[in-house]
Amino acid sequence: MKKIADNNDVKIIYVLLDGVGDLPHPDLAGKTPLEAATTKNMDMLAKNGIMGQVISVGKGIAPESDIAVFNMLGYKFQHSDYAGRGVIEAIGIGIDFKDGDLALRGNFATLDDEGKIIDRRAGRRIEREDVEKISKEIEKEIKFSNPNTTVAVAPTVGHRVTVRLRDNKPLSSEISNTDPAYARVDGMGIAKAVSDFMKIEKCIPLEQSENAANAANLVNEFTKQSLEIMKKSDVNKQRSQKNKKLLNSILLRDAGNKYPNVKPINDLHSMNFSCIVDMPVEIGISNILKMKAFNAGGLTDYEEKARVAAQAMETENAIYVHLKGPDEFGHDGDAIGKMKNIEEIDERFFGTLLDHVDVSKIAIMISADHSTPSIHKGHSDDPVPLLISGNMITNDGTQRFTETEAKKGAIGLIDGVQVVKTGIDLFKT
């Protein structure tokens, strides 16, 4: 086993609060959820640390979580190097995937009778039995124009699903999304403005090649046939009787066709880097970067995640913890719910963490992969706050972990790829 030595003296717990960044909201008297929330533990950390702002991926880019997390962990991809979220999630759930296959991230969604998208997430919290049954129906009943084409439809968490297409020839990932809320730009998924009158978009090739044209045709065949299969499904007949939102479409985005080849995170930062993650995309990232993963309960088992993170410091240099909650409230436009979730994380996660770590020896870093403003119900390019706290850090006068305080911080405005290195350097200073 390769010895990691350069930064063995560094001890960091690195927490990303998914989509925690926000904008002033009228439901919170013109404050952001972070500003409106009561967060005594994060306030304590802020008073013992230094702050700044982070542009996770790039100016003007409202990133998806996958590319944002990679950047926040120190990876900057060129267009040709990035595998695409579909592949990342396929790896995360262990789906059969090989180079030349096409993997796409999907959402089960609800359409009205005119084909308008009335809920991009079909109610978000969907019974596992329903998504598994309807996914198997699609796999069984779909008939592609090429009899050699096969499909795997793998539901993951809630409304989320991964679709893998396999053909007798390699499929190009240079195709557009059918999900109208996201665009594909330079290999990355970029959030677009969400409107109330969106419809499924036709998949088109983004390069002039037979493989791209074939891939786009197969995606369109999948979309057309799956709509008909889901329309006739007994799953939706039963959901209709129970006044539940229908699972009558799958919105596809972020195609990828190759397994990523990147430097392991321990080699990149010369330290033992581990993680606590829950979502398929996060698990995929941890597998690709060869991070040691710790089991720490379910999505909202905040106390357990804090205890496991603290315990990991006995054997690891650093642990990356991804907490999902705030992002979902932002997507739902629920600023008050987001504020309450932040308060819950502060009390249950950070409260427990501070009970179990020695901040004279361990630095705590807090940031976000991106901003999800509740007023826009989607990701944005707004900078997110960054806090690096510990007794080895000289306070810069900031008092709270908020967007406003972050602007005052001594770190200034940095790129996502600089965050981990910044934390390491400050620890050693």
Protein backbone atom coordinates (compact mmCIF):
# COMPACT_ATOMS: atom_id res chain seq x y z
CA MET A 1 0.00 0.00 0.00
CA LYS A 2 1.34 3.41 -0.97
CA LYS A 3 2.28 5.46 2.06
CA ILE A 4 0.61 8.84 2.33
CA ALA A 5 2.93 11.07 4.30
CA ASP A 6 3.06 14.72 3.25
CA ASN A 7 0.03 15.88 5.21
CA ASN A 8 -0.14 13.28 7.96
CA ASP A 9 -0.16 16.04 10.55
CA VAL A 10 -3.38 17.56 9.18
CA LYS A 11 -6.75 16.70 10.78
CA ILE A 12 -9.88 18.00 8.99
CA ILE A 13 -13.60 17.23 9.13
CA TYR A 14 -15.01 18.66 5.90
CA VAL A 15 -18.79 19.10 5.78
CA LEU A 16 -20.71 20.04 2.64
CA LEU A 17 -24.29 21.12 3.26
CA ASP A 18 -25.98 20.32 -0.04
CA GLY A 19 -27.48 23.46 -1.60
CA VAL A 20 -27.39 25.43 1.68
CA GLY A 21 -26.57 28.73 -0.04
CA ASP A 22 -29.58 30.95 -0.73
CA LEU A 23 -30.87 34.46 -1.40
CA PRO A 24 -33.03 36.80 0.69
CA HIS A 25 -36.59 35.52 0.84
CA PRO A 26 -39.85 37.36 1.65
CA ASP A 27 -41.05 34.48 3.86
CA LEU A 28 -38.01 35.14 6.09
CA ALA A 29 -38.35 38.92 6.27
CA GLY A 30 -35.77 39.39 3.54
CA LYS A 31 -33.20 37.08 5.12
CA THR A 32 -31.65 33.92 3.73
CA PRO A 33 -32.40 30.61 5.51
CA LEU A 34 -28.88 30.64 6.99
CA GLU A 35 -29.36 34.19 8.27
CA ALA A 36 -32.82 33.48 9.69
CA ALA A 37 -31.84 30.20 11.35
CA THR A 38 -30.75 29.88 14.98
CA THR A 39 -27.38 28.15 14.69
CA LYS A 40 -25.50 28.40 17.96
CA ASN A 41 -23.02 25.65 17.12
CA MET A 42 -22.05 26.96 13.68
CA ASP A 43 -21.89 30.46 15.22
CA MET A 44 -19.43 29.12 17.78
CA LEU A 45 -17.34 27.63 14.99
CA ALA A 46 -17.44 30.88 13.03
CA LYS A 47 -16.15 32.84 16.01
CA ASN A 48 -13.26 30.40 16.17
CA GLY A 49 -12.44 30.46 12.49
CA ILE A 50 -12.03 32.26 9.20
CA MET A 51 -14.52 32.67 6.36
CA GLY A 52 -14.74 33.33 2.64
CA GLN A 53 -16.80 32.63 -0.45
CA VAL A 54 -16.52 29.86 -3.01
CA ILE A 55 -17.49 29.63 -6.66
CA SER A 56 -17.77 25.88 -6.81
CA VAL A 57 -17.37 25.32 -10.56
CA GLY A 58 -17.11 28.62 -12.43
CA LYS A 59 -18.57 32.10 -12.84
CA GLY A 60 -21.94 32.02 -14.53
CA ILE A 61 -22.31 28.25 -14.03
CA ALA A 62 -25.23 26.91 -11.98
CA PRO A 63 -23.76 23.44 -11.49
CA GLU A 64 -25.29 20.09 -10.77
CA SER A 65 -24.14 18.37 -7.60
CA ASP A 66 -21.77 15.86 -9.23
CA ILE A 67 -19.40 18.28 -10.93
CA ALA A 68 -19.72 20.72 -8.01
CA VAL A 69 -18.63 18.10 -5.46
CA PHE A 70 -15.70 17.02 -7.63
CA ASN A 71 -14.55 20.64 -7.75
CA MET A 72 -15.05 21.12 -4.01
CA LEU A 73 -12.83 18.07 -3.44
CA GLY A 74 -10.06 19.50 -5.62
CA TYR A 75 -10.81 18.22 -9.15
CA LYS A 76 -11.15 20.43 -12.22
CA PHE A 77 -12.22 18.58 -15.32
CA GLN A 78 -11.76 19.52 -18.91
CA HIS A 79 -14.71 18.86 -21.20
CA SER A 80 -13.23 15.68 -22.69
CA ASP A 81 -12.26 14.28 -19.30
CA TYR A 82 -15.58 14.30 -17.48
CA ALA A 83 -17.61 11.10 -17.46
CA GLY A 84 -21.05 12.67 -16.84
CA ARG A 85 -23.47 12.30 -13.95
CA GLY A 86 -25.22 9.33 -15.51
CA VAL A 87 -22.03 7.29 -15.24
CA ILE A 88 -21.26 8.56 -11.73
CA GLU A 89 -24.68 7.42 -10.50
CA ALA A 90 -24.43 4.11 -12.37
CA ILE A 91 -21.17 3.42 -10.53
CA GLY A 92 -22.76 4.55 -7.26
CA ILE A 93 -25.54 1.97 -7.46
CA GLY A 94 -23.38 -0.81 -8.91
CA ILE A 95 -25.24 -1.04 -12.21
CA ASP A 96 -23.61 -3.09 -14.98
CA PHE A 97 -21.74 -0.50 -17.05
CA LYS A 98 -18.88 -0.64 -19.54
CA ASP A 99 -17.22 1.84 -21.88
CA GLY A 100 -19.44 2.49 -24.89
CA ASP A 101 -22.66 2.08 -22.92
CA LEU A 102 -24.77 5.18 -22.36
CA ALA A 103 -25.75 6.01 -18.77
CA LEU A 104 -28.18 8.82 -17.93
CA ARG A 105 -29.58 10.27 -14.73
CA GLY A 106 -33.37 10.39 -14.74
CA ASN A 107 -36.30 11.76 -12.76
CA PHE A 108 -39.67 10.11 -12.52
CA ALA A 109 -42.00 13.01 -13.26
CA THR A 110 -45.70 13.80 -13.60
CA LEU A 111 -47.22 15.15 -16.82
CA ASP A 112 -50.72 16.50 -17.35
CA ASP A 113 -52.93 15.38 -20.25
CA GLU A 114 -51.31 17.96 -22.53
CA GLY A 115 -47.80 16.74 -21.82
CA LYS A 116 -46.89 19.65 -19.55
CA ILE A 117 -44.62 18.79 -16.63
CA ILE A 118 -46.56 19.52 -13.45
CA ASP A 119 -44.06 17.94 -11.06
CA ARG A 120 -40.45 17.17 -12.04
CA ARG A 121 -40.17 14.76 -9.10
CA ALA A 122 -43.63 13.12 -9.04
CA GLY A 123 -44.15 14.10 -5.42
CA ARG A 124 -40.49 13.37 -4.49
CA ARG A 125 -41.21 10.71 -1.85
CA ILE A 126 -42.39 7.75 -3.88
CA GLU A 127 -43.10 4.26 -2.63
CA ARG A 128 -40.20 1.95 -3.49
CA GLU A 129 -42.58 -0.76 -4.63
CA ASP A 130 -44.12 1.54 -7.26
CA VAL A 131 -40.85 2.71 -8.86
CA GLU A 132 -39.41 -0.81 -8.92
CA LYS A 133 -42.52 -2.29 -10.52
CA ILE A 134 -42.86 0.36 -13.21
CA SER A 135 -39.11 0.21 -13.97
CA LYS A 136 -39.33 -3.54 -14.56
CA GLU A 137 -42.37 -3.01 -16.80
CA ILE A 138 -40.37 -0.59 -18.97
CA GLU A 139 -37.41 -2.98 -19.21
CA LYS A 140 -39.69 -5.87 -20.19
CA GLU A 141 -42.01 -4.14 -22.65
CA ILE A 142 -39.80 -1.68 -24.53
CA LYS A 143 -38.84 -2.68 -28.10
CA PHE A 144 -36.09 -0.70 -29.78
CA SER A 145 -35.77 -0.43 -33.56
CA ASN A 146 -32.39 -2.16 -33.18
CA PRO A 147 -33.06 -5.59 -31.63
CA ASN A 148 -29.50 -5.59 -30.23
CA THR A 149 -30.26 -2.60 -27.98
CA THR A 150 -30.96 -3.32 -24.32
CA VAL A 151 -31.93 -1.08 -21.43
CA ALA A 152 -31.59 -1.16 -17.66
CA VAL A 153 -33.89 1.07 -15.60
CA ALA A 154 -32.64 1.28 -12.01
CA PRO A 155 -34.56 3.40 -9.48
CA THR A 156 -32.37 4.80 -6.71
CA VAL A 157 -33.72 7.22 -4.06
CA GLY A 158 -37.18 8.79 -4.20
CA HIS A 159 -37.88 10.09 -7.71
CA ARG A 160 -34.37 9.37 -8.96
CA VAL A 161 -33.54 6.72 -11.54
CA THR A 162 -30.54 5.67 -13.62
CA VAL A 163 -31.02 4.47 -17.21
CA ARG A 164 -28.34 2.49 -19.05
CA LEU A 165 -28.59 1.89 -22.81
CA ARG A 166 -26.39 -0.72 -24.50
CA ASP A 167 -26.06 -1.22 -28.26
CA ASN A 168 -23.91 -3.39 -30.52
CA LYS A 169 -21.94 -0.23 -31.37
CA PRO A 170 -20.47 2.36 -28.93
CA LEU A 171 -22.86 5.16 -28.04
CA SER A 172 -21.76 8.78 -27.91
CA SER A 173 -22.50 10.92 -24.86
CA GLU A 174 -22.61 14.05 -27.03
CA ILE A 175 -26.38 14.37 -26.90
CA SER A 176 -28.80 16.83 -25.35
CA ASN A 177 -31.04 16.25 -22.34
CA THR A 178 -34.74 15.51 -22.48
CA ASP A 179 -35.09 17.15 -19.05
CA PRO A 180 -35.89 20.80 -19.82
CA ALA A 181 -34.56 22.01 -16.46
CA TYR A 182 -30.94 21.17 -17.30
CA ALA A 183 -28.65 21.85 -20.22
CA ARG A 184 -25.50 20.00 -21.19
CA VAL A 185 -22.62 22.47 -21.55
CA ASP A 186 -19.02 21.36 -22.04
CA GLY A 187 -19.82 17.92 -20.68
CA MET A 188 -21.42 19.30 -17.50
CA GLY A 189 -25.02 19.51 -16.35
CA ILE A 190 -26.06 23.14 -15.94
CA ALA A 191 -29.30 24.17 -14.25
CA LYS A 192 -31.67 26.29 -16.32
CA ALA A 193 -34.47 28.53 -15.09
CA VAL A 194 -37.48 26.50 -14.00
CA SER A 195 -40.84 27.54 -15.49
CA ASP A 196 -44.40 26.34 -15.04
CA PHE A 197 -44.90 25.30 -18.66
CA MET A 198 -42.06 22.91 -19.37
CA LYS A 199 -42.37 19.88 -21.62
CA ILE A 200 -40.08 16.95 -22.35
CA GLU A 201 -37.50 17.99 -24.92
CA LYS A 202 -36.35 15.96 -27.90
CA CYS A 203 -32.86 14.53 -27.58
CA ILE A 204 -30.57 15.77 -30.34
CA PRO A 205 -26.96 14.91 -31.22
CA LEU A 206 -24.42 17.58 -30.24
CA GLU A 207 -21.83 16.41 -32.75
CA GLN A 208 -21.99 15.15 -36.30
CA SER A 209 -21.27 11.48 -35.81
CA GLU A 210 -23.13 8.21 -36.37
CA ASN A 211 -22.64 7.25 -32.71
CA ALA A 212 -24.21 10.52 -31.49
CA ALA A 213 -27.12 10.27 -33.92
CA ASN A 214 -27.72 6.67 -32.86
CA ALA A 215 -27.56 7.58 -29.16
CA ALA A 216 -30.07 10.43 -29.59
CA ASN A 217 -32.44 8.17 -31.55
CA LEU A 218 -32.32 5.50 -28.84
CA VAL A 219 -33.02 8.04 -26.10
CA ASN A 220 -36.01 9.35 -28.06
CA GLU A 221 -37.27 5.80 -28.63
CA PHE A 222 -36.92 5.13 -24.92
CA THR A 223 -38.81 8.31 -24.04
CA LYS A 224 -41.65 7.71 -26.50
CA GLN A 225 -42.20 4.08 -25.57
CA SER A 226 -41.78 4.54 -21.81
CA LEU A 227 -44.47 7.22 -21.86
CA GLU A 228 -46.92 4.73 -23.37
CA ILE A 229 -45.89 1.92 -21.04
CA MET A 230 -46.25 4.09 -17.94
CA LYS A 231 -49.60 5.46 -19.15
CA LYS A 232 -51.04 1.93 -19.28
CA SER A 233 -49.37 0.68 -16.09
CA ASP A 234 -51.46 -0.68 -13.23
CA VAL A 235 -49.09 1.23 -10.94
CA ASN A 236 -50.52 4.51 -12.18
CA LYS A 237 -54.10 3.25 -12.16
CA GLN A 238 -53.67 2.50 -8.46
CA ARG A 239 -51.90 5.79 -7.79
CA SER A 240 -54.72 7.66 -9.51
CA GLN A 241 -57.29 5.94 -7.30
CA LYS A 242 -55.30 7.01 -4.24
CA ASN A 243 -54.91 10.61 -5.52
CA LYS A 244 -51.14 10.22 -5.77
CA LYS A 245 -49.06 11.91 -8.43
CA LEU A 246 -48.58 9.70 -11.46
CA LEU A 247 -45.26 8.21 -12.51
CA ASN A 248 -45.95 8.86 -16.17
CA SER A 249 -42.63 10.11 -17.55
CA ILE A 250 -38.86 9.89 -17.09
CA LEU A 251 -36.80 13.04 -17.67
CA LEU A 252 -33.25 12.19 -18.79
CA ARG A 253 -30.03 14.18 -18.53
CA ASP A 254 -26.25 14.08 -18.19
CA ALA A 255 -25.31 11.25 -20.52
CA GLY A 256 -21.96 9.53 -20.13
CA ASN A 257 -20.27 6.68 -21.99
CA LYS A 258 -16.97 5.95 -20.25
CA TYR A 259 -15.60 5.00 -16.87
CA PRO A 260 -13.72 7.97 -15.38
CA ASN A 261 -9.97 7.79 -14.93
CA VAL A 262 -8.88 10.22 -12.21
CA LYS A 263 -6.18 10.43 -9.58
CA PRO A 264 -7.27 8.96 -6.21
CA ILE A 265 -7.98 11.64 -3.64
CA ASN A 266 -5.30 10.36 -1.25
CA ASP A 267 -2.68 10.88 -3.95
CA LEU A 268 -4.07 14.29 -4.87
CA HIS A 269 -3.89 15.69 -1.33
CA SER A 270 -1.19 13.42 0.16
CA MET A 271 -3.39 12.35 3.07
CA ASN A 272 -5.82 9.67 4.14
CA PHE A 273 -9.19 11.01 3.01
CA SER A 274 -12.43 9.20 3.92
CA CYS A 275 -16.13 10.00 3.61
CA ILE A 276 -19.68 9.69 4.91
CA VAL A 277 -22.10 9.82 1.97
CA ASP A 278 -25.61 8.57 1.21
CA MET A 279 -26.80 9.44 -2.30
CA PRO A 280 -25.89 7.37 -5.38
CA VAL A 281 -23.99 10.26 -6.97
CA GLU A 282 -21.97 10.75 -3.77
CA ILE A 283 -21.26 7.03 -3.46
CA GLY A 284 -20.16 7.01 -7.10
CA ILE A 285 -17.76 9.89 -6.47
CA SER A 286 -16.32 8.17 -3.40
CA ASN A 287 -15.79 4.95 -5.39
CA ILE A 288 -14.12 6.77 -8.28
CA LEU A 289 -11.81 8.73 -5.97
CA LYS A 290 -11.11 5.59 -3.91
CA MET A 291 -12.24 7.17 -0.65
CA LYS A 292 -12.75 4.94 2.35
CA ALA A 293 -16.47 5.13 3.17
CA PHE A 294 -17.91 4.89 6.67
CA ASN A 295 -21.45 3.67 7.31
CA ALA A 296 -23.31 6.22 9.41
CA GLY A 297 -27.03 5.45 9.22
CA GLY A 298 -29.64 7.06 6.98
CA LEU A 299 -29.98 10.50 5.43
CA THR A 300 -31.15 12.23 8.61
CA ASP A 301 -29.23 10.24 11.22
CA TYR A 302 -27.27 13.39 12.00
CA GLU A 303 -26.05 12.38 15.46
CA GLU A 304 -24.68 9.08 14.16
CA LYS A 305 -22.93 10.80 11.26
CA ALA A 306 -21.29 13.23 13.71
CA ARG A 307 -20.14 10.44 16.02
CA VAL A 308 -18.73 8.38 13.16
CA ALA A 309 -16.95 11.42 11.71
CA ALA A 310 -15.34 12.19 15.06
CA GLN A 311 -14.30 8.56 15.56
CA ALA A 312 -12.79 8.43 12.07
CA MET A 313 -10.25 11.04 13.12
CA GLU A 314 -8.53 8.32 15.15
CA THR A 315 -7.36 6.64 11.93
CA GLU A 316 -7.88 9.16 9.10
CA ASN A 317 -6.44 12.55 8.21
CA ALA A 318 -9.67 13.88 6.80
CA ILE A 319 -13.28 12.90 6.41
CA TYR A 320 -15.71 14.43 3.94
CA VAL A 321 -19.34 14.47 5.12
CA HIS A 322 -22.17 15.27 2.71
CA LEU A 323 -25.50 16.25 4.27
CA LYS A 324 -28.38 16.34 1.78
CA GLY A 325 -31.28 18.14 3.53
CA PRO A 326 -31.15 21.88 2.61
CA ASP A 327 -31.08 21.30 -1.16
CA GLU A 328 -34.47 19.60 -1.29
CA PHE A 329 -36.20 22.44 0.53
CA GLY A 330 -34.59 24.90 -1.88
CA HIS A 331 -35.90 22.95 -4.89
CA ASP A 332 -39.36 22.91 -3.32
CA GLY A 333 -39.29 26.69 -2.77
CA ASP A 334 -39.71 26.18 0.97
CA ALA A 335 -37.47 28.80 2.61
CA ILE A 336 -38.98 28.25 6.06
CA GLY A 337 -38.49 24.49 5.77
CA LYS A 338 -34.89 25.07 4.68
CA MET A 339 -34.31 27.33 7.69
CA LYS A 340 -35.71 24.68 10.05
CA ASN A 341 -33.59 21.96 8.43
CA ILE A 342 -30.48 24.09 8.92
CA GLU A 343 -31.42 24.51 12.59
CA GLU A 344 -31.87 20.75 12.90
CA ILE A 345 -28.46 20.07 11.34
CA ASP A 346 -26.85 22.67 13.61
CA GLU A 347 -28.31 21.14 16.75
CA ARG A 348 -28.10 17.46 15.93
CA PHE A 349 -24.99 17.19 13.75
CA PHE A 350 -22.75 20.07 14.75
CA GLY A 351 -23.87 19.95 18.38
CA THR A 352 -22.95 16.27 18.57
CA LEU A 353 -19.73 16.82 16.62
CA LEU A 354 -18.51 19.51 19.00
CA ASP A 355 -19.19 17.16 21.91
CA HIS A 356 -16.86 14.57 20.37
CA VAL A 357 -13.95 16.43 18.76
CA ASP A 358 -11.03 18.42 20.11
CA VAL A 359 -10.95 21.64 18.06
CA SER A 360 -7.42 22.29 19.28
CA LYS A 361 -6.30 19.34 17.15
CA ILE A 362 -8.99 19.02 14.47
CA ALA A 363 -10.18 21.69 12.01
CA ILE A 364 -13.80 21.76 10.90
CA MET A 365 -14.56 23.04 7.40
CA ILE A 366 -18.13 23.87 6.35
CA SER A 367 -19.32 24.86 2.90
CA ALA A 368 -21.78 23.82 0.18
CA ASP A 369 -21.52 22.22 -3.23
CA HIS A 370 -23.72 24.95 -4.72
CA SER A 371 -26.46 27.42 -3.88
CA THR A 372 -30.14 26.43 -4.26
CA PRO A 373 -32.15 29.63 -3.79
CA SER A 374 -35.66 28.89 -2.55
CA ILE A 375 -37.05 31.80 -4.52
CA HIS A 376 -35.82 30.23 -7.78
CA LYS A 377 -36.40 26.54 -6.89
CA GLY A 378 -33.16 25.50 -8.52
CA HIS A 379 -29.38 25.68 -8.46
CA SER A 380 -27.68 29.00 -9.09
CA ASP A 381 -24.20 30.36 -9.73
CA ASP A 382 -24.18 32.38 -6.49
CA PRO A 383 -21.05 31.94 -4.35
CA VAL A 384 -21.44 29.75 -1.27
CA PRO A 385 -20.02 30.48 2.19
CA LEU A 386 -16.88 28.74 3.44
CA LEU A 387 -15.85 28.40 7.08
CA ILE A 388 -12.59 26.89 8.32
CA SER A 389 -12.58 26.66 12.13
CA GLY A 390 -10.28 25.43 14.87
CA ASN A 391 -7.98 26.66 17.59
CA MET A 392 -5.11 26.67 15.09
CA ILE A 393 -7.03 29.24 12.97
CA THR A 394 -6.91 32.98 13.70
CA ASN A 395 -10.41 34.46 13.68
CA ASP A 396 -11.04 37.17 11.11
CA GLY A 397 -13.89 38.84 12.99
CA THR A 398 -16.70 36.86 11.37
CA GLN A 399 -19.43 35.73 13.75
CA ARG A 400 -21.88 33.49 11.89
CA PHE A 401 -21.94 30.98 9.05
CA THR A 402 -24.02 33.05 6.62
CA GLU A 403 -23.73 34.44 3.11
CA THR A 404 -23.34 38.01 4.40
CA GLU A 405 -20.60 37.15 6.90
CA ALA A 406 -18.78 35.12 4.27
CA LYS A 407 -18.39 38.25 2.15
CA LYS A 408 -16.46 39.86 5.03
CA GLY A 409 -14.14 36.89 5.53
CA ALA A 410 -10.38 37.07 5.13
CA ILE A 411 -10.23 34.11 2.74
CA GLY A 412 -11.96 36.20 0.07
CA LEU A 413 -13.47 34.66 -3.06
CA ILE A 414 -11.89 31.39 -4.22
CA ASP A 415 -12.66 28.56 -6.63
CA GLY A 416 -13.99 25.21 -5.48
CA VAL A 417 -10.78 23.37 -6.46
CA GLN A 418 -8.88 25.57 -3.97
CA VAL A 419 -10.96 24.75 -0.89
CA VAL A 420 -9.22 21.61 0.42
CA LYS A 421 -5.74 23.03 -0.23
CA THR A 422 -6.79 26.26 1.55
CA GLY A 423 -7.90 24.24 4.57
CA ILE A 424 -4.65 22.26 4.64
CA ASP A 425 -2.52 25.39 4.36
CA LEU A 426 -4.41 27.20 7.13
CA PHE A 427 -4.11 24.15 9.40
CA LYS A 428 -0.35 24.16 8.93
CA THR A 429 0.14 27.93 9.26
